Protein backbone atom coordinates (compact mmCIF):
# COMPACT_ATOMS: atom_id res chain seq x y z
CA MET A 1 -116.42 -68.50 138.76
CA LYS A 2 -116.23 -64.82 137.86
CA LYS A 3 -113.79 -62.74 139.86
CA LEU A 4 -115.29 -59.78 141.73
CA SER A 5 -113.93 -56.31 141.16
CA ARG A 6 -112.18 -54.41 143.92
CA ASN A 7 -115.22 -52.17 144.45
CA GLN A 8 -117.60 -55.15 144.57
CA THR A 9 -115.54 -56.78 147.33
CA ARG A 10 -115.49 -53.45 149.21
CA LEU A 11 -119.28 -53.20 148.96
CA HIS A 12 -119.55 -56.78 150.27
CA ARG A 13 -117.38 -55.80 153.26
CA LYS A 14 -119.49 -52.65 153.71
CA ARG A 15 -122.72 -54.67 153.93
CA ARG A 16 -121.13 -57.00 156.47
CA ILE A 17 -119.97 -54.07 158.61
CA ARG A 18 -123.30 -52.22 158.38
CA ALA A 19 -125.15 -55.30 159.61
CA LYS A 20 -123.31 -54.90 162.91
CA ILE A 21 -123.29 -51.13 163.48
CA SER A 22 -126.00 -48.50 163.57
CA GLY A 23 -126.19 -44.87 164.63
CA SER A 24 -128.69 -43.31 167.01
CA SER A 25 -129.43 -39.77 168.12
CA GLU A 26 -127.17 -40.21 171.17
CA MET A 27 -124.39 -41.92 169.22
CA PRO A 28 -124.65 -41.24 165.48
CA ARG A 29 -122.67 -43.02 162.78
CA LEU A 30 -119.76 -41.27 161.03
CA ALA A 31 -119.75 -42.68 157.49
CA ILE A 32 -116.93 -42.08 155.01
CA PHE A 33 -116.91 -42.18 151.23
CA ARG A 34 -113.58 -41.99 149.45
CA SER A 35 -113.12 -41.50 145.73
CA LEU A 36 -110.05 -40.70 143.67
CA ARG A 37 -110.71 -36.95 143.87
CA ASN A 38 -112.65 -36.45 147.09
CA VAL A 39 -113.34 -37.66 150.61
CA SER A 40 -116.78 -37.00 152.03
CA ILE A 41 -118.08 -37.58 155.55
CA GLN A 42 -121.59 -37.76 156.97
CA VAL A 43 -122.74 -38.04 160.55
CA ILE A 44 -126.00 -39.97 160.36
CA ASP A 45 -128.81 -40.79 162.77
CA ASP A 46 -129.97 -44.15 161.39
CA ILE A 47 -133.10 -44.35 163.53
CA SER A 48 -134.64 -41.18 162.10
CA GLY A 49 -132.80 -41.57 158.78
CA LYS A 50 -131.34 -38.06 158.82
CA THR A 51 -127.90 -36.67 158.10
CA LEU A 52 -126.87 -34.42 160.98
CA VAL A 53 -123.50 -33.17 159.67
CA ALA A 54 -121.86 -33.45 156.26
CA ALA A 55 -118.51 -32.27 154.90
CA ASN A 56 -116.16 -33.01 152.04
CA LEU A 57 -112.76 -31.94 150.79
CA LEU A 58 -114.19 -29.79 148.00
CA ASP A 59 -116.17 -27.63 150.44
CA SER A 60 -113.36 -27.29 152.95
CA LYS A 61 -110.84 -26.22 150.26
CA SER A 62 -108.37 -28.84 151.52
CA LYS A 63 -106.21 -30.95 149.26
CA ASN A 64 -106.89 -34.62 148.63
CA THR A 65 -104.06 -35.79 150.86
CA VAL A 66 -103.72 -37.44 154.25
CA ASP A 67 -103.24 -34.00 155.85
CA GLY A 68 -106.35 -32.70 154.12
CA ALA A 69 -108.32 -35.68 155.39
CA LYS A 70 -107.13 -34.99 158.93
CA GLU A 71 -108.29 -31.37 158.66
CA LEU A 72 -111.64 -32.64 157.37
CA GLY A 73 -111.99 -34.87 160.45
CA LYS A 74 -111.29 -31.88 162.71
CA ALA A 75 -113.86 -29.77 160.83
CA VAL A 76 -116.53 -32.44 161.28
CA ALA A 77 -115.69 -32.70 164.98
CA GLU A 78 -116.24 -28.94 165.36
CA LYS A 79 -119.60 -29.17 163.59
CA CYS A 80 -120.58 -32.07 165.86
CA LYS A 81 -119.56 -30.12 168.96
CA ALA A 82 -121.89 -27.30 167.84
CA LEU A 83 -124.74 -29.85 167.80
CA LYS A 84 -123.63 -31.26 171.19
CA ILE A 85 -122.58 -34.61 169.73
CA GLU A 86 -119.69 -36.04 171.75
CA SER A 87 -119.49 -39.71 170.78
CA ILE A 88 -119.95 -41.46 167.45
CA VAL A 89 -119.82 -44.88 165.82
CA PHE A 90 -117.12 -45.01 163.13
CA ASP A 91 -118.14 -46.59 159.81
CA ARG A 92 -115.17 -47.10 157.52
CA SER A 93 -117.47 -48.30 154.70
CA GLY A 94 -115.37 -51.33 153.82
CA TYR A 95 -112.15 -49.38 153.26
CA LYS A 96 -108.93 -50.42 154.96
CA TYR A 97 -108.22 -48.50 158.14
CA HIS A 98 -105.11 -46.72 156.90
CA GLY A 99 -104.17 -43.61 154.97
CA LYS A 100 -106.97 -41.07 154.55
CA ILE A 101 -109.52 -43.15 156.49
CA LYS A 102 -107.23 -43.33 159.51
CA ALA A 103 -106.41 -39.62 159.14
CA VAL A 104 -110.11 -38.70 159.25
CA ALA A 105 -110.54 -40.79 162.41
CA ASP A 106 -107.46 -39.23 164.03
CA GLY A 107 -108.63 -35.72 163.14
CA ALA A 108 -112.07 -36.39 164.59
CA ARG A 109 -110.49 -37.71 167.79
CA GLU A 110 -108.25 -34.64 168.03
CA GLY A 111 -111.35 -32.49 167.54
CA GLY A 112 -112.89 -34.06 170.64
CA LEU A 113 -115.12 -36.87 169.36
CA LYS A 114 -115.10 -40.20 171.15
CA PHE A 115 -115.40 -43.48 169.26
């Protein structure tokens, strides 16, 4: 049997997670994508299929570190507050909940979002 790559196993986990969670207009989904050079976040209303808020490290001029990811989470929380979004569903996209993913979640919580 052929061994799956690290990204293929992550995508398998992502599909399993996405089968259980969904965002709505009252409680949209905060989805994260992490690459080697960037972290990008989207707040998505899955019912209408629209992205409400989007941000990434390249736009915010932050560094690709844990501290930069935390600042990115705070920036997204401020944008959500402007749209009167107070609570979200967190979608870690199959990544482990540590490092930059955890920092984004902590920054969003500090910014006032409720998970």
